[in-house]
Amino acid sequence: LVASITSGGRTNYADSVKGRFTISGDNAKNT
C-alpha cells in the first residue's frame, strides 16, 4: 500500500512516502 483515501477524505500513507506523496480524490468524477 502506498496511499489510500476514503470518500470522506480520510487519508493513509506508507511511512516511506509520507511527506512526499499526496493522495486526493474527486467524488463527482469518481477519480
PDB file of all heavy atoms in Angstrom:
ATOM      1  N   LEU A   1       0.840  -1.193   0.000  1.00  0.00           N
ATOM      2  CA  LEU A   1       0.000   0.000   0.000  1.00  0.00           C
ATOM      3  C   LEU A   1       0.874   1.240   0.000  1.00  0.00           C
ATOM      4  O   LEU A   1       1.805   1.360   0.794  1.00  0.00           O
ATOM      5  CB  LEU A   1      -0.915   0.010   1.222  1.00  0.00           C
ATOM      6  CG  LEU A   1      -1.743   1.280   1.433  1.00  0.00           C
ATOM      7  CD1 LEU A   1      -2.806   1.404   0.350  1.00  0.00           C
ATOM      8  CD2 LEU A   1      -2.387   1.293   2.811  1.00  0.00           C
ATOM      9  N   VAL A   2       0.555   2.170  -0.879  1.00  0.00           N
ATOM     10  CA  VAL A   2       1.241   3.454  -0.931  1.00  0.00           C
ATOM     11  C   VAL A   2       0.422   4.518  -0.219  1.00  0.00           C
ATOM     12  O   VAL A   2       0.929   5.238   0.644  1.00  0.00           O
ATOM     13  CB  VAL A   2       1.513   3.882  -2.384  1.00  0.00           C
ATOM     14  CG1 VAL A   2       2.170   5.258  -2.428  1.00  0.00           C
ATOM     15  CG2 VAL A   2       2.382   2.847  -3.086  1.00  0.00           C
ATOM     16  N   ALA A   3      -0.841   4.638  -0.592  1.00  0.00           N
ATOM     17  CA  ALA A   3      -1.717   5.639  -0.004  1.00  0.00           C
ATOM     18  C   ALA A   3      -3.159   5.257  -0.266  1.00  0.00           C
ATOM     19  O   ALA A   3      -3.465   4.585  -1.254  1.00  0.00           O
ATOM     20  CB  ALA A   3      -1.431   7.031  -0.573  1.00  0.00           C
ATOM     21  N   SER A   4      -4.047   5.678   0.609  1.00  0.00           N
ATOM     22  CA  SER A   4      -5.468   5.427   0.434  1.00  0.00           C
ATOM     23  C   SER A   4      -6.259   6.629   0.902  1.00  0.00           C
ATOM     24  O   SER A   4      -5.769   7.452   1.688  1.00  0.00           O
ATOM     25  CB  SER A   4      -5.910   4.170   1.188  1.00  0.00           C
ATOM     26  OG  SER A   4      -5.744   4.325   2.584  1.00  0.00           O
ATOM     27  N   ILE A   5      -7.487   6.711   0.427  1.00  0.00           N
ATOM     28  CA  ILE A   5      -8.364   7.806   0.808  1.00  0.00           C
ATOM     29  C   ILE A   5      -9.802   7.308   0.815  1.00  0.00           C
ATOM     30  O   ILE A   5     -10.209   6.548  -0.066  1.00  0.00           O
ATOM     31  CB  ILE A   5      -8.196   9.018  -0.139  1.00  0.00           C
ATOM     32  CG1 ILE A   5      -9.027  10.208   0.345  1.00  0.00           C
ATOM     33  CG2 ILE A   5      -8.568   8.637  -1.572  1.00  0.00           C
ATOM     34  CD1 ILE A   5      -8.707  11.502  -0.395  1.00  0.00           C
ATOM     35  N   THR A   6     -10.565   7.710   1.817  1.00  0.00           N
ATOM     36  CA  THR A   6     -11.973   7.367   1.879  1.00  0.00           C
ATOM     37  C   THR A   6     -12.790   8.446   1.194  1.00  0.00           C
ATOM     38  O   THR A   6     -12.305   9.541   0.918  1.00  0.00           O
ATOM     39  CB  THR A   6     -12.451   7.214   3.326  1.00  0.00           C
ATOM     40  OG1 THR A   6     -12.455   8.495   3.970  1.00  0.00           O
ATOM     41  CG2 THR A   6     -11.555   6.261   4.104  1.00  0.00           C
ATOM     42  N   SER A   7     -14.050   8.126   0.933  1.00  0.00           N
ATOM     43  CA  SER A   7     -14.922   9.114   0.313  1.00  0.00           C
ATOM     44  C   SER A   7     -15.130  10.324   1.208  1.00  0.00           C
ATOM     45  O   SER A   7     -15.498  11.398   0.720  1.00  0.00           O
ATOM     46  CB  SER A   7     -16.275   8.483  -0.032  1.00  0.00           C
ATOM     47  OG  SER A   7     -16.918   7.984   1.127  1.00  0.00           O
ATOM     48  N   GLY A   8     -14.886  10.163   2.506  1.00  0.00           N
ATOM     49  CA  GLY A   8     -14.972  11.271   3.437  1.00  0.00           C
ATOM     50  C   GLY A   8     -13.705  12.097   3.540  1.00  0.00           C
ATOM     51  O   GLY A   8     -13.679  13.092   4.263  1.00  0.00           O
ATOM     52  N   GLY A   9     -12.650  11.677   2.836  1.00  0.00           N
ATOM     53  CA  GLY A   9     -11.431  12.452   2.796  1.00  0.00           C
ATOM     54  C   GLY A   9     -10.332  12.012   3.751  1.00  0.00           C
ATOM     55  O   GLY A   9      -9.281  12.655   3.814  1.00  0.00           O
ATOM     56  N   ARG A  10     -10.547  10.941   4.497  1.00  0.00           N
ATOM     57  CA  ARG A  10      -9.501  10.449   5.385  1.00  0.00           C
ATOM     58  C   ARG A  10      -8.418   9.749   4.579  1.00  0.00           C
ATOM     59  O   ARG A  10      -8.707   8.933   3.710  1.00  0.00           O
ATOM     60  CB  ARG A  10     -10.084   9.492   6.419  1.00  0.00           C
ATOM     61  CG  ARG A  10     -10.959  10.177   7.459  1.00  0.00           C
ATOM     62  CD  ARG A  10     -11.643   9.171   8.360  1.00  0.00           C
ATOM     63  NE  ARG A  10     -12.654   8.412   7.633  1.00  0.00           N
ATOM     64  CZ  ARG A  10     -13.378   7.440   8.163  1.00  0.00           C
ATOM     65  NH1 ARG A  10     -13.209   7.098   9.436  1.00  0.00           N
ATOM     66  NH2 ARG A  10     -14.280   6.810   7.429  1.00  0.00           N
ATOM     67  N   THR A  11      -7.160  10.055   4.875  1.00  0.00           N
ATOM     68  CA  THR A  11      -6.039   9.518   4.119  1.00  0.00           C
ATOM     69  C   THR A  11      -5.117   8.678   4.987  1.00  0.00           C
ATOM     70  O   THR A  11      -5.060   8.832   6.210  1.00  0.00           O
ATOM     71  CB  THR A  11      -5.222  10.637   3.470  1.00  0.00           C
ATOM     72  OG1 THR A  11      -4.740  11.528   4.485  1.00  0.00           O
ATOM     73  CG2 THR A  11      -6.079  11.418   2.488  1.00  0.00           C
ATOM     74  N   ASN A  12      -4.383   7.797   4.323  1.00  0.00           N
ATOM     75  CA  ASN A  12      -3.398   6.947   4.972  1.00  0.00           C
ATOM     76  C   ASN A  12      -2.227   6.780   4.021  1.00  0.00           C
ATOM     77  O   ASN A  12      -2.423   6.615   2.814  1.00  0.00           O
ATOM     78  CB  ASN A  12      -4.008   5.590   5.322  1.00  0.00           C
ATOM     79  CG  ASN A  12      -3.056   4.699   6.091  1.00  0.00           C
ATOM     80  OD1 ASN A  12      -2.375   5.155   6.999  1.00  0.00           O
ATOM     81  ND2 ASN A  12      -3.018   3.420   5.731  1.00  0.00           N
ATOM     82  N   TYR A  13      -0.995   6.818   4.566  1.00  0.00           N
ATOM     83  CA  TYR A  13       0.202   6.732   3.743  1.00  0.00           C
ATOM     84  C   TYR A  13       1.185   5.723   4.314  1.00  0.00           C
ATOM     85  O   TYR A  13       1.290   5.557   5.530  1.00  0.00           O
ATOM     86  CB  TYR A  13       0.914   8.077   3.655  1.00  0.00           C
ATOM     87  CG  TYR A  13       0.127   9.168   2.973  1.00  0.00           C
ATOM     88  CD1 TYR A  13      -0.678  10.027   3.699  1.00  0.00           C
ATOM     89  CD2 TYR A  13       0.207   9.343   1.594  1.00  0.00           C
ATOM     90  CE1 TYR A  13      -1.396  11.028   3.081  1.00  0.00           C
ATOM     91  CE2 TYR A  13      -0.506  10.347   0.966  1.00  0.00           C
ATOM     92  CZ  TYR A  13      -1.310  11.185   1.718  1.00  0.00           C
ATOM     93  OH  TYR A  13      -2.017  12.187   1.089  1.00  0.00           O
ATOM     94  N   ALA A  14       1.913   5.088   3.419  1.00  0.00           N
ATOM     95  CA  ALA A  14       3.044   4.289   3.843  1.00  0.00           C
ATOM     96  C   ALA A  14       4.119   5.208   4.405  1.00  0.00           C
ATOM     97  O   ALA A  14       4.292   6.337   3.946  1.00  0.00           O
ATOM     98  CB  ALA A  14       3.603   3.486   2.670  1.00  0.00           C
ATOM     99  N   ASP A  15       4.845   4.732   5.410  1.00  0.00           N
ATOM    100  CA  ASP A  15       5.883   5.556   6.022  1.00  0.00           C
ATOM    101  C   ASP A  15       6.919   6.025   5.001  1.00  0.00           C
ATOM    102  O   ASP A  15       7.449   7.138   5.109  1.00  0.00           O
ATOM    103  CB  ASP A  15       6.582   4.786   7.140  1.00  0.00           C
ATOM    104  CG  ASP A  15       5.711   4.599   8.365  1.00  0.00           C
ATOM    105  OD1 ASP A  15       4.728   5.347   8.525  1.00  0.00           O
ATOM    106  OD2 ASP A  15       6.013   3.699   9.173  1.00  0.00           O
ATOM    107  N   SER A  16       7.194   5.208   4.015  1.00  0.00           N
ATOM    108  CA  SER A  16       8.232   5.520   3.048  1.00  0.00           C
ATOM    109  C   SER A  16       7.885   6.688   2.129  1.00  0.00           C
ATOM    110  O   SER A  16       8.774   7.245   1.483  1.00  0.00           O
ATOM    111  CB  SER A  16       8.555   4.290   2.200  1.00  0.00           C
ATOM    112  OG  SER A  16       7.412   3.844   1.496  1.00  0.00           O
ATOM    113  N   VAL A  17       6.606   7.057   2.063  1.00  0.00           N
ATOM    114  CA  VAL A  17       6.205   8.129   1.148  1.00  0.00           C
ATOM    115  C   VAL A  17       5.620   9.334   1.863  1.00  0.00           C
ATOM    116  O   VAL A  17       5.306  10.341   1.213  1.00  0.00           O
ATOM    117  CB  VAL A  17       5.194   7.624   0.089  1.00  0.00           C
ATOM    118  CG1 VAL A  17       5.745   6.404  -0.633  1.00  0.00           C
ATOM    119  CG2 VAL A  17       3.843   7.317   0.728  1.00  0.00           C
ATOM    120  N   LYS A  18       5.492   9.272   3.173  1.00  0.00           N
ATOM    121  CA  LYS A  18       4.939  10.396   3.917  1.00  0.00           C
ATOM    122  C   LYS A  18       5.780  11.646   3.712  1.00  0.00           C
ATOM    123  O   LYS A  18       7.004  11.613   3.785  1.00  0.00           O
ATOM    124  CB  LYS A  18       4.858  10.060   5.410  1.00  0.00           C
ATOM    125  CG  LYS A  18       3.762   9.071   5.764  1.00  0.00           C
ATOM    126  CD  LYS A  18       3.719   8.794   7.262  1.00  0.00           C
ATOM    127  CE  LYS A  18       2.616   7.811   7.610  1.00  0.00           C
ATOM    128  NZ  LYS A  18       2.606   7.482   9.055  1.00  0.00           N
ATOM    129  N   GLY A  19       5.105  12.742   3.450  1.00  0.00           N
ATOM    130  CA  GLY A  19       5.789  13.997   3.200  1.00  0.00           C
ATOM    131  C   GLY A  19       6.187  14.202   1.764  1.00  0.00           C
ATOM    132  O   GLY A  19       6.577  15.323   1.393  1.00  0.00           O
ATOM    133  N   ARG A  20       6.111  13.167   0.942  1.00  0.00           N
ATOM    134  CA  ARG A  20       6.486  13.270  -0.467  1.00  0.00           C
ATOM    135  C   ARG A  20       5.301  13.060  -1.405  1.00  0.00           C
ATOM    136  O   ARG A  20       5.227  13.701  -2.451  1.00  0.00           O
ATOM    137  CB  ARG A  20       7.584  12.258  -0.812  1.00  0.00           C
ATOM    138  CG  ARG A  20       8.870  12.448  -0.025  1.00  0.00           C
ATOM    139  CD  ARG A  20       9.982  11.549  -0.551  1.00  0.00           C
ATOM    140  NE  ARG A  20       9.655  10.131  -0.428  1.00  0.00           N
ATOM    141  CZ  ARG A  20       9.582   9.282  -1.454  1.00  0.00           C
ATOM    142  NH1 ARG A  20       9.814   9.708  -2.692  1.00  0.00           N
ATOM    143  NH2 ARG A  20       9.296   8.004  -1.241  1.00  0.00           N
ATOM    144  N   PHE A  21       4.403  12.150  -1.035  1.00  0.00           N
ATOM    145  CA  PHE A  21       3.252  11.821  -1.877  1.00  0.00           C
ATOM    146  C   PHE A  21       1.976  12.380  -1.261  1.00  0.00           C
ATOM    147  O   PHE A  21       1.836  12.447  -0.032  1.00  0.00           O
ATOM    148  CB  PHE A  21       3.091  10.310  -2.019  1.00  0.00           C
ATOM    149  CG  PHE A  21       4.165   9.617  -2.822  1.00  0.00           C
ATOM    150  CD1 PHE A  21       5.309  10.283  -3.234  1.00  0.00           C
ATOM    151  CD2 PHE A  21       4.014   8.282  -3.163  1.00  0.00           C
ATOM    152  CE1 PHE A  21       6.292   9.636  -3.962  1.00  0.00           C
ATOM    153  CE2 PHE A  21       4.990   7.625  -3.898  1.00  0.00           C
ATOM    154  CZ  PHE A  21       6.125   8.290  -4.295  1.00  0.00           C
ATOM    155  N   THR A  22       1.034  12.738  -2.114  1.00  0.00           N
ATOM    156  CA  THR A  22      -0.267  13.211  -1.674  1.00  0.00           C
ATOM    157  C   THR A  22      -1.360  12.547  -2.496  1.00  0.00           C
ATOM    158  O   THR A  22      -1.338  12.613  -3.727  1.00  0.00           O
ATOM    159  CB  THR A  22      -0.393  14.734  -1.806  1.00  0.00           C
ATOM    160  OG1 THR A  22       0.644  15.378  -1.053  1.00  0.00           O
ATOM    161  CG2 THR A  22      -1.753  15.199  -1.284  1.00  0.00           C
ATOM    162  N   ILE A  23      -2.305  11.908  -1.817  1.00  0.00           N
ATOM    163  CA  ILE A  23      -3.436  11.304  -2.498  1.00  0.00           C
ATOM    164  C   ILE A  23      -4.631  12.241  -2.383  1.00  0.00           C
ATOM    165  O   ILE A  23      -4.840  12.877  -1.345  1.00  0.00           O
ATOM    166  CB  ILE A  23      -3.764   9.907  -1.928  1.00  0.00           C
ATOM    167  CG1 ILE A  23      -4.812   9.198  -2.795  1.00  0.00           C
ATOM    168  CG2 ILE A  23      -4.223   9.989  -0.479  1.00  0.00           C
ATOM    169  CD1 ILE A  23      -5.019   7.738  -2.437  1.00  0.00           C
ATOM    170  N   SER A  24      -5.399  12.331  -3.439  1.00  0.00           N
ATOM    171  CA  SER A  24      -6.588  13.160  -3.443  1.00  0.00           C
ATOM    172  C   SER A  24      -7.641  12.513  -4.333  1.00  0.00           C
ATOM    173  O   SER A  24      -7.327  11.658  -5.163  1.00  0.00           O
ATOM    174  CB  SER A  24      -6.284  14.582  -3.920  1.00  0.00           C
ATOM    175  OG  SER A  24      -5.800  14.574  -5.249  1.00  0.00           O
ATOM    176  N   GLY A  25      -8.876  12.922  -4.155  1.00  0.00           N
ATOM    177  CA  GLY A  25      -9.948  12.352  -4.937  1.00  0.00           C
ATOM    178  C   GLY A  25     -10.977  13.381  -5.326  1.00  0.00           C
ATOM    179  O   GLY A  25     -11.105  14.433  -4.695  1.00  0.00           O
ATOM    180  N   ASP A  26     -11.694  13.067  -6.371  1.00  0.00           N
ATOM    181  CA  ASP A  26     -12.793  13.889  -6.855  1.00  0.00           C
ATOM    182  C   ASP A  26     -14.027  13.006  -6.844  1.00  0.00           C
ATOM    183  O   ASP A  26     -14.195  12.155  -7.717  1.00  0.00           O
ATOM    184  CB  ASP A  26     -12.498  14.414  -8.253  1.00  0.00           C
ATOM    185  CG  ASP A  26     -13.538  15.408  -8.741  1.00  0.00           C
ATOM    186  OD1 ASP A  26     -14.712  15.295  -8.348  1.00  0.00           O
ATOM    187  OD2 ASP A  26     -13.176  16.300  -9.522  1.00  0.00           O
ATOM    188  N   ASN A  27     -14.881  13.197  -5.849  1.00  0.00           N
ATOM    189  CA  ASN A  27     -16.061  12.353  -5.714  1.00  0.00           C
ATOM    190  C   ASN A  27     -17.006  12.470  -6.912  1.00  0.00           C
ATOM    191  O   ASN A  27     -17.619  11.483  -7.322  1.00  0.00           O
ATOM    192  CB  ASN A  27     -16.820  12.702  -4.432  1.00  0.00           C
ATOM    193  CG  ASN A  27     -16.113  12.241  -3.178  1.00  0.00           C
ATOM    194  OD1 ASN A  27     -15.326  11.287  -3.204  1.00  0.00           O
ATOM    195  ND2 ASN A  27     -16.396  12.895  -2.067  1.00  0.00           N
ATOM    196  N   ALA A  28     -17.115  13.654  -7.464  1.00  0.00           N
ATOM    197  CA  ALA A  28     -18.005  13.860  -8.600  1.00  0.00           C
ATOM    198  C   ALA A  28     -17.534  13.090  -9.829  1.00  0.00           C
ATOM    199  O   ALA A  28     -18.357  12.633 -10.631  1.00  0.00           O
ATOM    200  CB  ALA A  28     -18.125  15.345  -8.919  1.00  0.00           C
ATOM    201  N   LYS A  29     -16.230  12.954  -9.971  1.00  0.00           N
ATOM    202  CA  LYS A  29     -15.664  12.263 -11.121  1.00  0.00           C
ATOM    203  C   LYS A  29     -15.317  10.808 -10.841  1.00  0.00           C
ATOM    204  O   LYS A  29     -14.918  10.090 -11.765  1.00  0.00           O
ATOM    205  CB  LYS A  29     -14.409  12.989 -11.605  1.00  0.00           C
ATOM    206  CG  LYS A  29     -14.641  14.397 -12.113  1.00  0.00           C
ATOM    207  CD  LYS A  29     -13.336  15.023 -12.576  1.00  0.00           C
ATOM    208  CE  LYS A  29     -13.545  16.427 -13.112  1.00  0.00           C
ATOM    209  NZ  LYS A  29     -12.273  17.048 -13.562  1.00  0.00           N
ATOM    210  N   ASN A  30     -15.446  10.384  -9.583  1.00  0.00           N
ATOM    211  CA  ASN A  30     -15.027   9.038  -9.184  1.00  0.00           C
ATOM    212  C   ASN A  30     -13.599   8.764  -9.649  1.00  0.00           C
ATOM    213  O   ASN A  30     -13.292   7.724 -10.235  1.00  0.00           O
ATOM    214  CB  ASN A  30     -15.981   7.983  -9.735  1.00  0.00           C
ATOM    215  CG  ASN A  30     -17.301   7.940  -8.992  1.00  0.00           C
ATOM    216  OD1 ASN A  30     -17.423   8.439  -7.878  1.00  0.00           O
ATOM    217  ND2 ASN A  30     -18.304   7.327  -9.604  1.00  0.00           N
ATOM    218  N   THR A  31     -12.738   9.714  -9.366  1.00  0.00           N
ATOM    219  CA  THR A  31     -11.352   9.664  -9.793  1.00  0.00           C
ATOM    220  C   THR A  31     -10.435   9.951  -8.610  1.00  0.00           C
ATOM    221  O   THR A  31     -10.756  10.780  -7.753  1.00  0.00           O
ATOM    222  CB  THR A  31     -11.087  10.683 -10.909  1.00  0.00           C
ATOM    223  OG1 THR A  31     -11.916  10.383 -12.038  1.00  0.00           O
ATOM    224  CG2 THR A  31      -9.639  10.658 -11.350  1.00  0.00           C
TER     225      THR A  31
END
